[in-house]
């Protein structure tokens, strides 16, 4: 192989490697997405009171959390169905849904993460804190979830315990006469889902699948794949790849 051919081959290899490592947004694919399974996730709550302490459950509607361990940024949305609240007493549950949570006016309880503290381990156990905004009964409140996360392959479990001062947040106190209820409810969550590395604009696997068709193609094809991911605004007048010196 002559010198020009060797130079061209090195350039093609460099471009392909850079596209795979850098990803479609021009940053390393370091983000992680956790997708929770509503069927397997358990949400339990305990409301201390007199003469009885009440135990109950809620159902998860959906949950996706994305975070970047390097920048500690996070986003996503976790949705809980307040109409699913159950404590084993039909009269009490109806009052909880209609008078306390007012599910007709506020059909969702949500958590939107925006920051991650701690170090997430892609294999094994991690202790992290996920900060964000909790929407309850139409009002938003800053909230922090302490999480114990265990990752095995693409399976993830996350456990957390926290207290919600629902009366201080404007919900009705359910206490009646001598039947007293605490002003905060304790919540335990055991979430199960799957984990996947992601890059901005899609998952790492999706992006690599798009590149698979051009993995052994001429350099112009590789450049076109890169160019389509960064968008028209990032193209040069000659439509050159942002990672390769040759015209696309």
Protein backbone atom coordinates (compact mmCIF):
# COMPACT_ATOMS: atom_id res chain seq x y z
CA UNK A 1 0.00 0.00 0.00
CA UNK A 2 1.44 3.35 -1.08
CA UNK A 3 1.79 6.40 1.14
CA UNK A 4 -1.37 8.17 -0.18
CA UNK A 5 -3.43 5.02 0.35
CA UNK A 6 -2.10 4.54 3.87
CA UNK A 7 -2.84 8.18 4.72
CA UNK A 8 -6.39 7.83 3.40
CA UNK A 9 -6.94 4.62 5.39
CA UNK A 10 -5.69 6.26 8.60
CA UNK A 11 -8.01 9.20 8.01
CA UNK A 12 -11.02 6.93 7.49
CA UNK A 13 -10.20 4.94 10.64
CA UNK A 14 -9.75 8.11 12.69
CA UNK A 15 -13.04 9.53 11.52
CA UNK A 16 -14.95 6.32 12.26
CA UNK A 17 -13.47 6.03 15.75
CA UNK A 18 -14.15 9.68 16.52
CA UNK A 19 -17.78 9.41 15.46
CA UNK A 20 -18.32 6.31 17.59
CA UNK A 21 -16.65 7.81 20.66
CA UNK A 22 -17.79 11.39 20.41
CA UNK A 23 -21.41 10.68 19.48
CA UNK A 24 -24.01 12.80 17.70
CA UNK A 25 -23.79 15.85 19.95
CA UNK A 26 -20.02 16.15 19.90
CA UNK A 27 -19.65 14.94 23.48
CA UNK A 28 -18.65 11.58 24.92
CA UNK A 29 -21.53 9.17 25.49
CA UNK A 30 -21.40 9.38 29.26
CA UNK A 31 -25.06 9.90 30.10
CA UNK A 32 -27.23 7.16 31.58
CA UNK A 33 -30.96 6.54 31.26
CA UNK A 34 -32.99 4.63 33.87
CA UNK A 35 -36.42 3.46 32.70
CA UNK A 36 -38.63 2.22 35.53
CA UNK A 37 -41.10 -0.65 35.17
CA UNK A 38 -44.53 0.35 36.60
CA UNK A 39 -45.54 -3.30 36.98
CA UNK A 40 -42.54 -4.19 39.14
CA UNK A 41 -42.07 -0.94 41.05
CA UNK A 42 -43.59 -0.81 44.55
CA UNK A 43 -44.60 2.40 46.35
CA UNK A 44 -45.66 2.02 49.98
CA UNK A 45 -46.71 4.72 52.43
CA UNK A 46 -47.25 4.84 56.17
CA UNK A 47 -49.33 7.47 57.98
CA UNK A 48 -48.85 7.34 61.77
CA UNK A 49 -51.94 8.17 63.83
CA UNK A 50 -54.22 7.39 66.74
CA UNK A 51 -55.65 4.89 67.35
CA UNK A 52 -54.25 3.29 64.17
CA UNK A 53 -51.28 3.70 61.87
CA UNK A 54 -52.44 3.44 58.28
CA UNK A 55 -50.46 1.54 55.64
CA UNK A 56 -51.12 1.89 51.93
CA UNK A 57 -49.77 1.85 48.39
CA UNK A 58 -49.66 3.90 45.21
CA UNK A 59 -48.97 2.85 41.62
CA UNK A 60 -46.25 4.19 39.37
CA UNK A 61 -47.58 5.42 36.03
CA UNK A 62 -44.21 5.94 34.32
CA UNK A 63 -40.63 6.84 35.12
CA UNK A 64 -37.57 7.86 33.09
CA UNK A 65 -34.50 9.46 34.65
CA UNK A 66 -31.46 10.61 32.67
CA UNK A 67 -28.25 11.87 34.24
CA UNK A 68 -24.66 12.68 33.36
CA UNK A 69 -22.24 11.46 36.06
CA UNK A 70 -19.57 13.86 34.78
CA UNK A 71 -21.57 17.10 34.91
CA UNK A 72 -24.05 15.86 37.58
CA UNK A 73 -26.92 17.21 35.49
CA UNK A 74 -30.19 15.25 35.37
CA UNK A 75 -33.59 15.35 33.75
CA UNK A 76 -36.59 13.13 33.10
CA UNK A 77 -39.99 12.60 34.65
CA UNK A 78 -41.46 10.19 37.22
CA UNK A 79 -45.27 10.05 37.34
CA UNK A 80 -47.37 8.59 40.16
CA UNK A 81 -51.12 7.97 39.91
CA UNK A 82 -52.80 9.43 43.04
CA UNK A 83 -56.11 7.78 42.12
CA UNK A 84 -54.40 4.42 42.73
CA UNK A 85 -54.00 5.15 46.45
CA UNK A 86 -55.22 2.21 48.52
CA UNK A 87 -55.11 1.39 52.23
CA UNK A 88 -57.56 -1.51 52.42
CA UNK A 89 -60.48 0.60 53.59
CA UNK A 90 -62.81 1.73 50.80
CA UNK A 91 -64.37 4.63 52.74
CA UNK A 92 -61.00 5.99 53.86
CA UNK A 93 -59.52 5.57 50.37
CA UNK A 94 -62.42 7.42 48.75
CA UNK A 95 -61.98 10.31 51.20
CA UNK A 96 -58.22 10.34 50.56
CA UNK A 97 -58.72 10.55 46.79
CA UNK A 98 -61.67 12.99 46.77
CA UNK A 99 -61.00 15.28 49.74
CA UNK A 100 -57.27 15.11 50.46
CA UNK A 101 -55.54 14.53 47.13
CA UNK A 102 -58.46 15.85 45.02
CA UNK A 103 -57.50 13.67 42.10
CA UNK A 104 -60.17 15.18 39.88
CA UNK A 105 -58.25 18.49 39.93
CA UNK A 106 -54.75 17.04 40.35
CA UNK A 107 -54.55 13.73 38.45
CA UNK A 108 -50.77 13.29 38.73
CA UNK A 109 -47.98 13.47 41.27
CA UNK A 110 -44.67 14.03 39.49
CA UNK A 111 -40.97 14.33 40.20
CA UNK A 112 -38.64 16.11 37.76
CA UNK A 113 -34.94 15.56 38.57
CA UNK A 114 -32.38 18.23 37.71
CA UNK A 115 -29.20 17.36 39.62
CA UNK A 116 -27.27 14.29 40.77
CA UNK A 117 -24.98 14.12 43.81
CA UNK A 118 -22.72 11.18 44.49
CA UNK A 119 -21.08 8.66 42.17
CA UNK A 120 -23.17 6.27 40.11
CA UNK A 121 -21.51 2.90 39.54
CA UNK A 122 -22.51 1.27 36.22
CA UNK A 123 -22.00 -2.12 37.88
CA UNK A 124 -22.72 -2.88 41.52
CA UNK A 125 -24.10 -0.61 44.24
CA UNK A 126 -24.24 3.18 44.43
CA UNK A 127 -25.37 5.77 46.97
CA UNK A 128 -26.64 8.88 45.19
CA UNK A 129 -28.94 11.84 45.81
CA UNK A 130 -31.30 13.02 43.10
CA UNK A 131 -32.51 16.61 43.48
CA UNK A 132 -35.47 18.05 41.62
CA UNK A 133 -39.02 19.34 41.88
CA UNK A 134 -41.94 17.39 43.34
CA UNK A 135 -45.39 18.37 42.08
CA UNK A 136 -48.13 17.52 44.60
CA UNK A 137 -51.69 18.85 44.66
CA UNK A 138 -50.84 21.47 42.05
CA UNK A 139 -47.85 22.96 43.93
CA UNK A 140 -44.15 22.49 43.20
CA UNK A 141 -41.63 21.83 45.97
CA UNK A 142 -37.83 21.39 45.86
CA UNK A 143 -37.13 17.80 46.82
CA UNK A 144 -34.18 15.45 47.28
CA UNK A 145 -34.37 11.67 46.92
CA UNK A 146 -31.62 9.63 48.63
CA UNK A 147 -31.20 6.52 46.49
CA UNK A 148 -29.54 3.15 46.93
CA UNK A 149 -29.03 1.88 43.40
CA UNK A 150 -27.89 -1.59 42.33
CA UNK A 151 -27.03 -2.26 38.69
CA UNK A 152 -26.50 -5.72 37.19
CA UNK A 153 -26.15 -5.70 33.43
CA UNK A 154 -29.09 -3.71 32.09
CA UNK A 155 -31.23 -4.35 35.18
CA UNK A 156 -31.39 -1.70 37.89
CA UNK A 157 -33.08 -1.50 41.28
CA UNK A 158 -33.42 1.71 43.27
CA UNK A 159 -34.62 2.07 46.86
CA UNK A 160 -35.50 5.27 48.68
CA UNK A 161 -37.30 6.42 51.81
CA UNK A 162 -38.56 9.94 52.45
CA UNK A 163 -41.20 11.96 54.29
CA UNK A 164 -43.76 14.31 52.71
CA UNK A 165 -45.11 17.14 54.95
CA UNK A 166 -48.43 17.13 53.14
CA UNK A 167 -50.30 19.38 55.60
CA UNK A 168 -47.56 22.04 55.50
CA UNK A 169 -47.78 21.84 51.72
CA UNK A 170 -51.45 22.77 51.74
CA UNK A 171 -53.30 19.45 51.76
CA UNK A 172 -56.18 18.86 54.13
CA UNK A 173 -55.50 17.34 57.53
CA UNK A 174 -57.53 14.08 57.67
CA UNK A 175 -57.77 14.15 61.49
CA UNK A 176 -61.37 14.02 62.77
CA UNK A 177 -62.33 14.45 66.44
CA UNK A 178 -60.26 11.90 68.38
CA UNK A 179 -58.99 10.19 65.21
CA UNK A 180 -55.61 11.80 64.75
CA UNK A 181 -53.22 11.57 61.81
CA UNK A 182 -49.62 12.70 61.52
CA UNK A 183 -48.91 15.81 59.47
CA UNK A 184 -46.33 13.98 57.35
CA UNK A 185 -46.56 10.70 55.47
CA UNK A 186 -43.60 8.32 55.19
CA UNK A 187 -42.94 6.79 51.78
CA UNK A 188 -40.83 3.80 50.72
CA UNK A 189 -40.10 3.06 47.06
CA UNK A 190 -38.60 -0.08 45.60
CA UNK A 191 -38.15 0.63 41.90
CA UNK A 192 -37.09 -1.87 39.24
CA UNK A 193 -36.20 -1.04 35.67
CA UNK A 194 -33.50 -1.10 33.04
CA UNK A 195 -30.45 1.06 32.48
CA UNK A 196 -28.94 2.16 29.19
CA UNK A 197 -26.02 4.45 28.31
CA UNK A 198 -27.24 7.36 26.22
CA UNK A 199 -25.98 10.22 24.13
CA UNK A 200 -27.73 13.47 23.37
CA UNK A 201 -30.24 12.79 20.62
CA UNK A 202 -30.70 9.08 21.33
CA UNK A 203 -29.24 6.00 22.91
CA UNK A 204 -25.71 4.83 22.27
CA UNK A 205 -26.99 1.61 20.72
CA UNK A 206 -29.37 3.50 18.40
CA UNK A 207 -26.58 5.74 17.22
CA UNK A 208 -24.18 2.86 16.62
CA UNK A 209 -26.89 1.01 14.72
CA UNK A 210 -27.24 4.00 12.42
CA UNK A 211 -23.50 3.95 11.83
CA UNK A 212 -23.28 0.20 11.28
CA UNK A 213 -24.41 0.52 7.68
CA UNK A 214 -21.51 2.87 6.88
CA UNK A 215 -18.87 1.33 9.12
CA UNK A 216 -16.90 -0.01 6.16
CA UNK A 217 -18.08 2.57 3.63
CA UNK A 218 -15.95 5.26 1.98
CA UNK A 219 -15.13 8.27 4.11
CA UNK A 220 -17.75 10.47 2.48
CA UNK A 221 -20.46 8.10 3.75
CA UNK A 222 -19.11 8.23 7.29
CA UNK A 223 -19.00 12.01 7.08
CA UNK A 224 -22.60 12.09 5.89
CA UNK A 225 -23.67 10.07 8.94
CA UNK A 226 -21.89 12.52 11.21
CA UNK A 227 -23.25 15.52 9.30
CA UNK A 228 -26.86 14.33 9.56
CA UNK A 229 -26.51 14.00 13.35
CA UNK A 230 -25.19 17.52 13.97
CA UNK A 231 -27.74 19.21 11.71
CA UNK A 232 -27.63 21.75 8.93
CA UNK A 233 -26.68 24.61 11.25
CA UNK A 234 -23.34 22.98 12.04
CA UNK A 235 -22.32 22.29 8.45
CA UNK A 236 -19.61 24.30 6.76
CA UNK A 237 -20.23 25.93 3.34
CA UNK A 238 -18.44 22.96 1.69
CA UNK A 239 -20.55 20.50 3.72
CA UNK A 240 -17.48 19.07 5.40
CA UNK A 241 -17.73 16.65 8.28
CA UNK A 242 -17.01 18.32 11.63
CA UNK A 243 -14.48 15.58 12.46
CA UNK A 244 -12.93 14.92 9.04
CA UNK A 245 -10.92 17.24 6.77
CA UNK A 246 -12.26 15.76 3.54
CA UNK A 247 -15.41 17.13 1.82
CA UNK A 248 -18.62 15.20 2.47
